[in-house]
Amino acid sequence: MTLEKLESRIRKTSETELDKIREDGRKRVLLIDSDIKAESERESSKIAEEGKREIQWTAEGILSSARIEAREIVEAKKREMLDEVFAQARERITALPDKEKKTLLQRMLAKASEGIDRPKVFVDTSCKKLLHGKEANLGDFGFVVADHEETIRIDCTLGNLLSRLKPAVEPEIVSLLFKPQK
């Protein structure tokens, strides 16, 4: 075999081997590219799914917060309305004619002084003309009854009476004001 033939044969074998190497490389690149694309799609789907869940959680959180806030606003408005009912009751009592206020104060005094030996009565300056007792600046319509040693004191001012009455009548007022709609 001549050198040229040998050389030609080596070239052909080399080219064939190079072609095989190139083809294998191309196949590997395609395989790697395919794997990368598949992994990328899996990650994209995973990220999209997590994003959807996060958006859903965020939306649910926003809705939940909005419901709580709405409930708090409604409760605050209900509280305002209840306070207004008691404010109107106070206004109606203080706006009564003097004769009716005097009768009311005398009945309250009789009830408050039951069982108290020699009661002392301290009357707010606003009620001095309506009820007998020692004038005192109580700062509210009404009076205070005390025993003769002043160890027991019963506050019968309008503010105190309304605040003591509130827990007892509030449920009834709530049921009247805020009946469920049918």
C-alpha atoms as a PDB file:
ATOM      1  CA  MET A   1       0.000   0.000   0.000  1.00  0.00           C
ATOM      2  CA  THR A   2       1.254   3.297  -0.932  1.00  0.00           C
ATOM      3  CA  LEU A   3       1.605   6.185   1.306  1.00  0.00           C
ATOM      4  CA  GLU A   4      -1.041   8.130  -0.493  1.00  0.00           C
ATOM      5  CA  LYS A   5      -3.545   5.337  -0.163  1.00  0.00           C
ATOM      6  CA  LEU A   6      -2.709   4.963   3.465  1.00  0.00           C
ATOM      7  CA  GLU A   7      -3.056   8.656   3.945  1.00  0.00           C
ATOM      8  CA  SER A   8      -6.399   8.644   2.088  1.00  0.00           C
ATOM      9  CA  ARG A   9      -7.634   5.760   4.159  1.00  0.00           C
ATOM     10  CA  ILE A  10      -6.623   7.461   7.423  1.00  0.00           C
ATOM     11  CA  ARG A  11      -8.391  10.627   6.297  1.00  0.00           C
ATOM     12  CA  LYS A  12     -11.540   8.715   5.438  1.00  0.00           C
ATOM     13  CA  THR A  13     -11.465   6.874   8.743  1.00  0.00           C
ATOM     14  CA  SER A  14     -10.785  10.151  10.560  1.00  0.00           C
ATOM     15  CA  GLU A  15     -13.585  11.911   8.734  1.00  0.00           C
ATOM     16  CA  THR A  16     -15.940   9.052   9.482  1.00  0.00           C
ATOM     17  CA  GLU A  17     -14.921   9.138  13.128  1.00  0.00           C
ATOM     18  CA  LEU A  18     -15.247  12.923  13.192  1.00  0.00           C
ATOM     19  CA  ASP A  19     -18.690  12.672  11.608  1.00  0.00           C
ATOM     20  CA  LYS A  20     -19.673  10.112  14.276  1.00  0.00           C
ATOM     21  CA  ILE A  21     -18.264  12.350  17.026  1.00  0.00           C
ATOM     22  CA  ARG A  22     -20.110  15.354  15.564  1.00  0.00           C
ATOM     23  CA  GLU A  23     -23.342  13.339  15.271  1.00  0.00           C
ATOM     24  CA  ASP A  24     -22.968  12.053  18.845  1.00  0.00           C
ATOM     25  CA  GLY A  25     -22.262  15.600  20.041  1.00  0.00           C
ATOM     26  CA  ARG A  26     -25.276  16.938  18.148  1.00  0.00           C
ATOM     27  CA  LYS A  27     -27.457  14.182  19.649  1.00  0.00           C
ATOM     28  CA  ARG A  28     -26.116  14.924  23.126  1.00  0.00           C
ATOM     29  CA  VAL A  29     -26.749  18.655  22.661  1.00  0.00           C
ATOM     30  CA  LEU A  30     -30.321  17.889  21.497  1.00  0.00           C
ATOM     31  CA  LEU A  31     -30.808  15.540  24.453  1.00  0.00           C
ATOM     32  CA  ILE A  32     -29.417  18.102  26.922  1.00  0.00           C
ATOM     33  CA  ASP A  33     -31.502  20.830  25.279  1.00  0.00           C
ATOM     34  CA  SER A  34     -34.591  18.621  25.544  1.00  0.00           C
ATOM     35  CA  ASP A  35     -33.839  17.892  29.227  1.00  0.00           C
ATOM     36  CA  ILE A  36     -33.326  21.603  29.922  1.00  0.00           C
ATOM     37  CA  LYS A  37     -36.611  22.471  28.210  1.00  0.00           C
ATOM     38  CA  ALA A  38     -38.489  19.760  30.122  1.00  0.00           C
ATOM     39  CA  GLU A  39     -36.945  20.868  33.446  1.00  0.00           C
ATOM     40  CA  SER A  40     -37.688  24.494  32.578  1.00  0.00           C
ATOM     41  CA  GLU A  41     -41.323  23.644  31.843  1.00  0.00           C
ATOM     42  CA  ARG A  42     -41.631  21.700  35.113  1.00  0.00           C
ATOM     43  CA  GLU A  43     -40.147  24.611  37.070  1.00  0.00           C
ATOM     44  CA  SER A  44     -42.330  27.125  35.212  1.00  0.00           C
ATOM     45  CA  SER A  45     -45.430  25.053  35.993  1.00  0.00           C
ATOM     46  CA  LYS A  46     -44.363  24.710  39.605  1.00  0.00           C
ATOM     47  CA  ILE A  47     -43.723  28.465  39.930  1.00  0.00           C
ATOM     48  CA  ALA A  48     -47.033  29.259  38.196  1.00  0.00           C
ATOM     49  CA  GLU A  49     -48.894  26.887  40.520  1.00  0.00           C
ATOM     50  CA  GLU A  50     -47.205  28.393  43.587  1.00  0.00           C
ATOM     51  CA  GLY A  51     -48.060  31.846  42.252  1.00  0.00           C
ATOM     52  CA  LYS A  52     -51.701  30.849  41.824  1.00  0.00           C
ATOM     53  CA  ARG A  53     -51.805  29.455  45.370  1.00  0.00           C
ATOM     54  CA  GLU A  54     -50.168  32.596  46.728  1.00  0.00           C
ATOM     55  CA  ILE A  55     -52.627  34.798  44.837  1.00  0.00           C
ATOM     56  CA  GLN A  56     -55.501  32.693  46.161  1.00  0.00           C
ATOM     57  CA  TRP A  57     -54.160  32.893  49.728  1.00  0.00           C
ATOM     58  CA  THR A  58     -53.665  36.626  49.360  1.00  0.00           C
ATOM     59  CA  ALA A  59     -57.184  37.053  47.981  1.00  0.00           C
ATOM     60  CA  GLU A  60     -58.616  34.913  50.779  1.00  0.00           C
ATOM     61  CA  GLY A  61     -56.628  36.930  53.324  1.00  0.00           C
ATOM     62  CA  ILE A  62     -57.884  40.195  51.859  1.00  0.00           C
ATOM     63  CA  LEU A  63     -61.473  38.922  51.878  1.00  0.00           C
ATOM     64  CA  SER A  64     -61.111  37.684  55.427  1.00  0.00           C
ATOM     65  CA  SER A  65     -59.655  41.006  56.555  1.00  0.00           C
ATOM     66  CA  ALA A  66     -62.422  42.876  54.757  1.00  0.00           C
ATOM     67  CA  ARG A  67     -65.083  40.727  56.441  1.00  0.00           C
ATOM     68  CA  ILE A  68     -63.531  41.319  59.856  1.00  0.00           C
ATOM     69  CA  GLU A  69     -63.248  45.045  59.211  1.00  0.00           C
ATOM     70  CA  ALA A  70     -66.849  45.193  57.980  1.00  0.00           C
ATOM     71  CA  ARG A  71     -68.007  43.302  61.072  1.00  0.00           C
ATOM     72  CA  GLU A  72     -66.068  45.727  63.296  1.00  0.00           C
ATOM     73  CA  ILE A  73     -67.629  48.710  61.506  1.00  0.00           C
ATOM     74  CA  VAL A  74     -71.118  47.227  61.912  1.00  0.00           C
ATOM     75  CA  GLU A  75     -70.474  46.507  65.597  1.00  0.00           C
ATOM     76  CA  ALA A  76     -69.169  50.057  66.127  1.00  0.00           C
ATOM     77  CA  LYS A  77     -72.304  51.457  64.450  1.00  0.00           C
ATOM     78  CA  LYS A  78     -74.484  49.224  66.628  1.00  0.00           C
ATOM     79  CA  ARG A  79     -72.604  50.453  69.707  1.00  0.00           C
ATOM     80  CA  GLU A  80     -73.156  54.066  68.576  1.00  0.00           C
ATOM     81  CA  MET A  81     -76.865  53.391  68.139  1.00  0.00           C
ATOM     82  CA  LEU A  82     -77.110  51.794  71.591  1.00  0.00           C
ATOM     83  CA  ASP A  83     -75.270  54.733  73.118  1.00  0.00           C
ATOM     84  CA  GLU A  84     -77.679  57.045  71.302  1.00  0.00           C
ATOM     85  CA  VAL A  85     -80.666  55.167  72.784  1.00  0.00           C
ATOM     86  CA  PHE A  86     -79.298  55.748  76.289  1.00  0.00           C
ATOM     87  CA  ALA A  87     -78.450  59.378  75.490  1.00  0.00           C
ATOM     88  CA  GLN A  88     -82.033  59.902  74.307  1.00  0.00           C
ATOM     89  CA  ALA A  89     -83.372  58.240  77.456  1.00  0.00           C
ATOM     90  CA  ARG A  90     -81.255  60.651  79.515  1.00  0.00           C
ATOM     91  CA  GLU A  91     -82.552  63.613  77.502  1.00  0.00           C
ATOM     92  CA  ARG A  92     -86.165  62.479  77.861  1.00  0.00           C
ATOM     93  CA  ILE A  93     -85.831  62.091  81.633  1.00  0.00           C
ATOM     94  CA  THR A  94     -84.164  65.472  82.110  1.00  0.00           C
ATOM     95  CA  ALA A  95     -86.755  67.096  79.817  1.00  0.00           C
ATOM     96  CA  LEU A  96     -89.698  65.836  81.886  1.00  0.00           C
ATOM     97  CA  PRO A  97     -91.812  68.486  83.564  1.00  0.00           C
ATOM     98  CA  ASP A  98     -90.646  69.308  87.103  1.00  0.00           C
ATOM     99  CA  LYS A  99     -93.713  67.641  88.647  1.00  0.00           C
ATOM    100  CA  GLU A 100     -92.894  64.307  86.943  1.00  0.00           C
ATOM    101  CA  LYS A 101     -89.178  64.592  87.783  1.00  0.00           C
ATOM    102  CA  LYS A 102     -90.084  65.270  91.430  1.00  0.00           C
ATOM    103  CA  THR A 103     -92.332  62.172  91.541  1.00  0.00           C
ATOM    104  CA  LEU A 104     -89.603  60.072  89.900  1.00  0.00           C
ATOM    105  CA  LEU A 105     -86.918  61.314  92.313  1.00  0.00           C
ATOM    106  CA  GLN A 106     -89.152  60.705  95.354  1.00  0.00           C
ATOM    107  CA  ARG A 107     -89.893  57.118  94.236  1.00  0.00           C
ATOM    108  CA  MET A 108     -86.177  56.522  93.616  1.00  0.00           C
ATOM    109  CA  LEU A 109     -85.319  57.969  97.067  1.00  0.00           C
ATOM    110  CA  ALA A 110     -87.903  55.762  98.799  1.00  0.00           C
ATOM    111  CA  LYS A 111     -86.510  52.673  97.089  1.00  0.00           C
ATOM    112  CA  ALA A 112     -82.835  53.609  97.663  1.00  0.00           C
ATOM    113  CA  SER A 113     -83.259  54.439 101.345  1.00  0.00           C
ATOM    114  CA  GLU A 114     -85.081  51.199 102.251  1.00  0.00           C
ATOM    115  CA  GLY A 115     -83.282  49.526 105.131  1.00  0.00           C
ATOM    116  CA  ILE A 116     -81.020  52.518 105.831  1.00  0.00           C
ATOM    117  CA  ASP A 117     -81.336  53.911 109.366  1.00  0.00           C
ATOM    118  CA  ARG A 118     -81.547  57.726 109.376  1.00  0.00           C
ATOM    119  CA  PRO A 119     -80.561  58.223 105.729  1.00  0.00           C
ATOM    120  CA  LYS A 120     -78.724  61.332 104.603  1.00  0.00           C
ATOM    121  CA  VAL A 121     -79.622  62.637 101.174  1.00  0.00           C
ATOM    122  CA  PHE A 122     -77.200  64.631  99.038  1.00  0.00           C
ATOM    123  CA  VAL A 123     -79.038  66.253  96.154  1.00  0.00           C
ATOM    124  CA  ASP A 124     -77.372  67.574  93.017  1.00  0.00           C
ATOM    125  CA  THR A 125     -77.771  71.312  92.558  1.00  0.00           C
ATOM    126  CA  SER A 126     -79.857  70.636  89.430  1.00  0.00           C
ATOM    127  CA  CYS A 127     -82.457  68.802  91.571  1.00  0.00           C
ATOM    128  CA  LYS A 128     -82.470  71.014  94.698  1.00  0.00           C
ATOM    129  CA  LYS A 129     -85.945  72.401  93.937  1.00  0.00           C
ATOM    130  CA  LEU A 130     -87.333  68.906  93.366  1.00  0.00           C
ATOM    131  CA  LEU A 131     -86.053  66.947  96.363  1.00  0.00           C
ATOM    132  CA  HIS A 132     -85.166  67.749  99.965  1.00  0.00           C
ATOM    133  CA  GLY A 133     -81.647  67.031 101.095  1.00  0.00           C
ATOM    134  CA  LYS A 134     -78.233  68.568 101.475  1.00  0.00           C
ATOM    135  CA  GLU A 135     -77.217  70.349  98.300  1.00  0.00           C
ATOM    136  CA  ALA A 136     -74.119  68.844  96.660  1.00  0.00           C
ATOM    137  CA  ASN A 137     -72.420  69.321  93.340  1.00  0.00           C
ATOM    138  CA  LEU A 138     -72.697  65.736  92.084  1.00  0.00           C
ATOM    139  CA  GLY A 139     -72.253  66.768  88.471  1.00  0.00           C
ATOM    140  CA  ASP A 140     -75.304  64.795  87.364  1.00  0.00           C
ATOM    141  CA  PHE A 141     -79.059  64.807  87.743  1.00  0.00           C
ATOM    142  CA  GLY A 142     -80.025  62.838  90.851  1.00  0.00           C
ATOM    143  CA  PHE A 143     -78.899  62.263  94.405  1.00  0.00           C
ATOM    144  CA  VAL A 144     -76.794  60.093  96.723  1.00  0.00           C
ATOM    145  CA  VAL A 145     -78.216  58.371  99.811  1.00  0.00           C
ATOM    146  CA  ALA A 146     -75.918  57.527 102.713  1.00  0.00           C
ATOM    147  CA  ASP A 147     -76.392  56.052 106.149  1.00  0.00           C
ATOM    148  CA  HIS A 148     -76.012  58.458 109.068  1.00  0.00           C
ATOM    149  CA  GLU A 149     -72.286  57.583 109.430  1.00  0.00           C
ATOM    150  CA  GLU A 150     -71.801  57.850 105.659  1.00  0.00           C
ATOM    151  CA  THR A 151     -70.164  54.408 105.468  1.00  0.00           C
ATOM    152  CA  ILE A 152     -72.762  53.232 102.958  1.00  0.00           C
ATOM    153  CA  ARG A 153     -73.430  55.406  99.928  1.00  0.00           C
ATOM    154  CA  ILE A 154     -75.912  54.669  97.169  1.00  0.00           C
ATOM    155  CA  ASP A 155     -75.357  56.701  94.012  1.00  0.00           C
ATOM    156  CA  CYS A 156     -78.685  57.483  92.376  1.00  0.00           C
ATOM    157  CA  THR A 157     -77.456  59.920  89.785  1.00  0.00           C
ATOM    158  CA  LEU A 158     -78.892  59.471  86.321  1.00  0.00           C
ATOM    159  CA  GLY A 159     -75.560  58.516  84.740  1.00  0.00           C
ATOM    160  CA  ASN A 160     -74.930  55.841  87.342  1.00  0.00           C
ATOM    161  CA  LEU A 161     -78.466  54.469  87.110  1.00  0.00           C
ATOM    162  CA  LEU A 162     -78.288  54.264  83.315  1.00  0.00           C
ATOM    163  CA  SER A 163     -74.886  52.564  83.400  1.00  0.00           C
ATOM    164  CA  ARG A 164     -76.194  49.978  85.912  1.00  0.00           C
ATOM    165  CA  LEU A 165     -79.352  49.474  83.859  1.00  0.00           C
ATOM    166  CA  LYS A 166     -77.493  49.145  80.553  1.00  0.00           C
ATOM    167  CA  PRO A 167     -76.330  45.494  80.848  1.00  0.00           C
ATOM    168  CA  ALA A 168     -79.804  44.372  81.876  1.00  0.00           C
ATOM    169  CA  VAL A 169     -81.747  46.069  79.073  1.00  0.00           C
ATOM    170  CA  GLU A 170     -79.156  46.072  76.293  1.00  0.00           C
ATOM    171  CA  PRO A 171     -80.051  42.572  74.980  1.00  0.00           C
ATOM    172  CA  GLU A 172     -83.698  43.557  74.668  1.00  0.00           C
ATOM    173  CA  ILE A 173     -82.817  46.819  72.926  1.00  0.00           C
ATOM    174  CA  VAL A 174     -80.461  44.971  70.564  1.00  0.00           C
ATOM    175  CA  SER A 175     -83.181  42.482  69.679  1.00  0.00           C
ATOM    176  CA  LEU A 176     -85.601  45.341  68.954  1.00  0.00           C
ATOM    177  CA  LEU A 177     -83.150  47.454  66.956  1.00  0.00           C
ATOM    178  CA  PHE A 178     -81.316  44.742  65.065  1.00  0.00           C
ATOM    179  CA  LYS A 179     -83.901  42.059  64.303  1.00  0.00           C
ATOM    180  CA  PRO A 180     -82.622  39.652  61.646  1.00  0.00           C
ATOM    181  CA  GLN A 181     -84.229  40.314  58.267  1.00  0.00           C
ATOM    182  CA  LYS A 182     -86.542  37.579  57.029  1.00  0.00           C
END
